[in-house]
Amino acid sequence: MNCCEAMGEAVDRGAMYQGPKHRIDDGRIVNEIDTEYFIRSAGGRGYDYLGINYCPFCGRALSNSLWAAEKKK
């Protein structure tokens, strides 16, 4: 499930990774954000994964904890 069509396309193209952190085995996680969504970019050895909490296309909260907090508002 993706928040918008642009996010779905980015995941399909491999520009974004959607899944658990422990499944990332071809690069390194750059920051410590607790999320299931990562921007994937070429790094020195493999890929760099930058965790994000909000969709860069539509602005919706992506991580489960933020989504639940916004839903309560």
C-alpha atoms as a PDB file:
ATOM      1  CA  MET A   1       0.000   0.000   0.000  1.00  0.00           C
ATOM      2  CA  ASN A   2       1.391   3.384  -0.999  1.00  0.00           C
ATOM      3  CA  CYS A   3       0.127   6.832  -0.115  1.00  0.00           C
ATOM      4  CA  CYS A   4       0.092   8.112  -3.706  1.00  0.00           C
ATOM      5  CA  GLU A   5       0.738   7.002  -7.274  1.00  0.00           C
ATOM      6  CA  ALA A   6       4.087   8.826  -7.457  1.00  0.00           C
ATOM      7  CA  MET A   7       5.346   6.929  -4.388  1.00  0.00           C
ATOM      8  CA  GLY A   8       4.236   3.620  -5.897  1.00  0.00           C
ATOM      9  CA  GLU A   9       6.122   4.411  -9.096  1.00  0.00           C
ATOM     10  CA  ALA A  10       9.267   5.399  -7.154  1.00  0.00           C
ATOM     11  CA  VAL A  11       9.179   2.091  -5.245  1.00  0.00           C
ATOM     12  CA  ASP A  12       8.674   0.163  -8.493  1.00  0.00           C
ATOM     13  CA  ARG A  13      11.646   1.949 -10.134  1.00  0.00           C
ATOM     14  CA  GLY A  14      13.882   1.246  -7.131  1.00  0.00           C
ATOM     15  CA  ALA A  15      14.367   4.892  -6.165  1.00  0.00           C
ATOM     16  CA  MET A  16      12.562   4.196  -2.876  1.00  0.00           C
ATOM     17  CA  TYR A  17      12.626   1.139  -0.643  1.00  0.00           C
ATOM     18  CA  GLN A  18       9.568   0.125   1.339  1.00  0.00           C
ATOM     19  CA  GLY A  19      10.076  -2.571   3.958  1.00  0.00           C
ATOM     20  CA  PRO A  20      11.703  -3.450   7.273  1.00  0.00           C
ATOM     21  CA  LYS A  21      15.189  -2.143   8.086  1.00  0.00           C
ATOM     22  CA  HIS A  22      16.577  -5.602   8.746  1.00  0.00           C
ATOM     23  CA  ARG A  23      15.949  -6.576   5.122  1.00  0.00           C
ATOM     24  CA  ILE A  24      18.388  -3.973   3.782  1.00  0.00           C
ATOM     25  CA  ASP A  25      21.480  -5.974   2.871  1.00  0.00           C
ATOM     26  CA  ASP A  26      22.952  -4.134  -0.114  1.00  0.00           C
ATOM     27  CA  GLY A  27      24.002  -0.900   1.539  1.00  0.00           C
ATOM     28  CA  ARG A  28      23.897   1.160   4.691  1.00  0.00           C
ATOM     29  CA  ILE A  29      21.232   3.121   6.534  1.00  0.00           C
ATOM     30  CA  VAL A  30      22.341   6.747   6.755  1.00  0.00           C
ATOM     31  CA  ASN A  31      20.087   8.008   9.577  1.00  0.00           C
ATOM     32  CA  GLU A  32      18.264   6.592  12.602  1.00  0.00           C
ATOM     33  CA  ILE A  33      14.657   7.435  11.721  1.00  0.00           C
ATOM     34  CA  ASP A  34      12.294   4.620  12.724  1.00  0.00           C
ATOM     35  CA  THR A  35      10.419   4.057   9.467  1.00  0.00           C
ATOM     36  CA  GLU A  36       9.622   1.525   6.765  1.00  0.00           C
ATOM     37  CA  TYR A  37      10.338   3.959   3.891  1.00  0.00           C
ATOM     38  CA  PHE A  38      13.770   4.868   2.573  1.00  0.00           C
ATOM     39  CA  ILE A  39      15.174   6.937  -0.274  1.00  0.00           C
ATOM     40  CA  ARG A  40      17.721   4.751  -2.063  1.00  0.00           C
ATOM     41  CA  SER A  41      20.787   6.296  -3.696  1.00  0.00           C
ATOM     42  CA  ALA A  42      24.085   5.030  -5.051  1.00  0.00           C
ATOM     43  CA  GLY A  43      26.822   5.081  -2.437  1.00  0.00           C
ATOM     44  CA  GLY A  44      30.491   4.207  -2.265  1.00  0.00           C
ATOM     45  CA  ARG A  45      29.804   0.531  -1.607  1.00  0.00           C
ATOM     46  CA  GLY A  46      26.317  -0.501  -2.575  1.00  0.00           C
ATOM     47  CA  TYR A  47      23.530   1.917  -1.724  1.00  0.00           C
ATOM     48  CA  ASP A  48      22.774   4.530   0.905  1.00  0.00           C
ATOM     49  CA  TYR A  49      19.309   4.404   2.461  1.00  0.00           C
ATOM     50  CA  LEU A  50      17.886   7.579   3.951  1.00  0.00           C
ATOM     51  CA  GLY A  51      14.868   6.949   6.179  1.00  0.00           C
ATOM     52  CA  ILE A  52      11.926   9.302   5.756  1.00  0.00           C
ATOM     53  CA  ASN A  53       8.771   9.907   7.773  1.00  0.00           C
ATOM     54  CA  TYR A  54       6.789  11.830   5.168  1.00  0.00           C
ATOM     55  CA  CYS A  55       6.139  11.216   1.482  1.00  0.00           C
ATOM     56  CA  PRO A  56       8.256  13.563  -0.659  1.00  0.00           C
ATOM     57  CA  PHE A  57       5.438  13.682  -3.246  1.00  0.00           C
ATOM     58  CA  CYS A  58       2.193  14.183  -1.320  1.00  0.00           C
ATOM     59  CA  GLY A  59       3.403  14.960   2.223  1.00  0.00           C
ATOM     60  CA  ARG A  60       1.456  12.204   3.959  1.00  0.00           C
ATOM     61  CA  ALA A  61       2.920  10.543   7.078  1.00  0.00           C
ATOM     62  CA  LEU A  62       4.548   7.249   6.074  1.00  0.00           C
ATOM     63  CA  SER A  63       5.800   5.495   9.187  1.00  0.00           C
ATOM     64  CA  ASN A  64       3.202   3.564  11.178  1.00  0.00           C
ATOM     65  CA  SER A  65       3.767   5.526  14.387  1.00  0.00           C
ATOM     66  CA  LEU A  66       3.341   8.915  12.679  1.00  0.00           C
ATOM     67  CA  TRP A  67       0.354   7.716  10.678  1.00  0.00           C
ATOM     68  CA  ALA A  68      -1.386   6.563  13.874  1.00  0.00           C
ATOM     69  CA  ALA A  69      -0.625   9.878  15.591  1.00  0.00           C
ATOM     70  CA  GLU A  70      -2.037  11.892  12.684  1.00  0.00           C
ATOM     71  CA  LYS A  71      -5.118   9.679  12.510  1.00  0.00           C
ATOM     72  CA  LYS A  72      -5.930  10.496  16.163  1.00  0.00           C
ATOM     73  CA  LYS A  73      -6.079  14.253  15.398  1.00  0.00           C
END
